[in-house]
């Protein structure tokens, strides 16, 4: 059971900052698998949302 509730990315106080290095790296991995391009200069919120979309598309990030 996940005891730490996830905060909606729209509620992040740092959500308008540039995406982090790990977000960018993971996005490029997912995008390559999905045959997508990663837009330049995403915010943390935008990167998080795109990660969720690409995880759905690639089947990554789903529980076993």
C-alpha atoms as a PDB file:
ATOM      1  CA  UNK A   1       0.000   0.000   0.000  1.00  0.00           C
ATOM      2  CA  UNK A   2       1.268   3.468  -0.859  1.00  0.00           C
ATOM      3  CA  UNK A   3       1.191   5.514   2.333  1.00  0.00           C
ATOM      4  CA  UNK A   4       2.367   8.722   0.698  1.00  0.00           C
ATOM      5  CA  UNK A   5      -0.427  10.303  -1.288  1.00  0.00           C
ATOM      6  CA  UNK A   6       0.679  11.804  -4.557  1.00  0.00           C
ATOM      7  CA  UNK A   7       0.261  15.518  -4.918  1.00  0.00           C
ATOM      8  CA  UNK A   8      -1.294  16.719  -8.147  1.00  0.00           C
ATOM      9  CA  UNK A   9       1.497  18.215 -10.276  1.00  0.00           C
ATOM     10  CA  UNK A  10      -0.637  21.332 -10.759  1.00  0.00           C
ATOM     11  CA  UNK A  11      -0.303  21.908  -6.991  1.00  0.00           C
ATOM     12  CA  UNK A  12       3.510  21.733  -6.965  1.00  0.00           C
ATOM     13  CA  UNK A  13       5.032  24.968  -5.710  1.00  0.00           C
ATOM     14  CA  UNK A  14       8.065  24.377  -7.959  1.00  0.00           C
ATOM     15  CA  UNK A  15       6.057  23.116 -10.922  1.00  0.00           C
ATOM     16  CA  UNK A  16       6.942  26.051 -13.132  1.00  0.00           C
ATOM     17  CA  UNK A  17      10.680  25.413 -12.765  1.00  0.00           C
ATOM     18  CA  UNK A  18      12.540  23.622 -15.572  1.00  0.00           C
ATOM     19  CA  UNK A  19      12.277  19.833 -15.598  1.00  0.00           C
ATOM     20  CA  UNK A  20      14.905  17.969 -13.614  1.00  0.00           C
ATOM     21  CA  UNK A  21      17.747  15.965 -15.127  1.00  0.00           C
ATOM     22  CA  UNK A  22      16.160  12.639 -14.141  1.00  0.00           C
ATOM     23  CA  UNK A  23      12.823  13.699 -15.665  1.00  0.00           C
ATOM     24  CA  UNK A  24      14.539  14.650 -18.908  1.00  0.00           C
ATOM     25  CA  UNK A  25      16.496  11.405 -19.065  1.00  0.00           C
ATOM     26  CA  UNK A  26      13.427   9.244 -18.380  1.00  0.00           C
ATOM     27  CA  UNK A  27      11.349  11.250 -20.870  1.00  0.00           C
ATOM     28  CA  UNK A  28      13.876  10.605 -23.618  1.00  0.00           C
ATOM     29  CA  UNK A  29      13.843   6.879 -22.815  1.00  0.00           C
ATOM     30  CA  UNK A  30      10.042   6.739 -22.911  1.00  0.00           C
ATOM     31  CA  UNK A  31       9.814   8.922 -26.009  1.00  0.00           C
ATOM     32  CA  UNK A  32      12.241   6.700 -27.882  1.00  0.00           C
ATOM     33  CA  UNK A  33      10.156   3.625 -27.025  1.00  0.00           C
ATOM     34  CA  UNK A  34       6.936   5.404 -28.008  1.00  0.00           C
ATOM     35  CA  UNK A  35       8.346   6.920 -31.197  1.00  0.00           C
ATOM     36  CA  UNK A  36       7.684  10.424 -29.879  1.00  0.00           C
ATOM     37  CA  UNK A  37       9.713  13.619 -29.622  1.00  0.00           C
ATOM     38  CA  UNK A  38      10.361  15.434 -26.346  1.00  0.00           C
ATOM     39  CA  UNK A  39       9.627  19.162 -26.573  1.00  0.00           C
ATOM     40  CA  UNK A  40      12.449  21.409 -25.408  1.00  0.00           C
ATOM     41  CA  UNK A  41      12.340  23.350 -22.169  1.00  0.00           C
ATOM     42  CA  UNK A  42       9.457  21.663 -20.375  1.00  0.00           C
ATOM     43  CA  UNK A  43       8.531  22.621 -16.818  1.00  0.00           C
ATOM     44  CA  UNK A  44       8.480  20.048 -14.029  1.00  0.00           C
ATOM     45  CA  UNK A  45       4.682  19.840 -14.299  1.00  0.00           C
ATOM     46  CA  UNK A  46       4.706  19.458 -18.087  1.00  0.00           C
ATOM     47  CA  UNK A  47       7.424  16.812 -17.873  1.00  0.00           C
ATOM     48  CA  UNK A  48       5.497  14.888 -15.227  1.00  0.00           C
ATOM     49  CA  UNK A  49       2.337  14.940 -17.324  1.00  0.00           C
ATOM     50  CA  UNK A  50       4.212  13.817 -20.430  1.00  0.00           C
ATOM     51  CA  UNK A  51       5.873  11.011 -18.454  1.00  0.00           C
ATOM     52  CA  UNK A  52       2.412   9.801 -17.389  1.00  0.00           C
ATOM     53  CA  UNK A  53       1.151   9.906 -20.983  1.00  0.00           C
ATOM     54  CA  UNK A  54       4.177   8.062 -22.350  1.00  0.00           C
ATOM     55  CA  UNK A  55       4.053   5.473 -19.570  1.00  0.00           C
ATOM     56  CA  UNK A  56       0.458   4.737 -20.570  1.00  0.00           C
ATOM     57  CA  UNK A  57       1.471   4.523 -24.229  1.00  0.00           C
ATOM     58  CA  UNK A  58       4.477   2.242 -23.605  1.00  0.00           C
ATOM     59  CA  UNK A  59       3.018   0.187 -20.743  1.00  0.00           C
ATOM     60  CA  UNK A  60       5.819   1.251 -18.409  1.00  0.00           C
ATOM     61  CA  UNK A  61       5.142   2.227 -14.851  1.00  0.00           C
ATOM     62  CA  UNK A  62       2.231  -0.157 -14.439  1.00  0.00           C
ATOM     63  CA  UNK A  63       2.092  -2.279 -11.329  1.00  0.00           C
ATOM     64  CA  UNK A  64       2.753  -5.967 -11.685  1.00  0.00           C
END
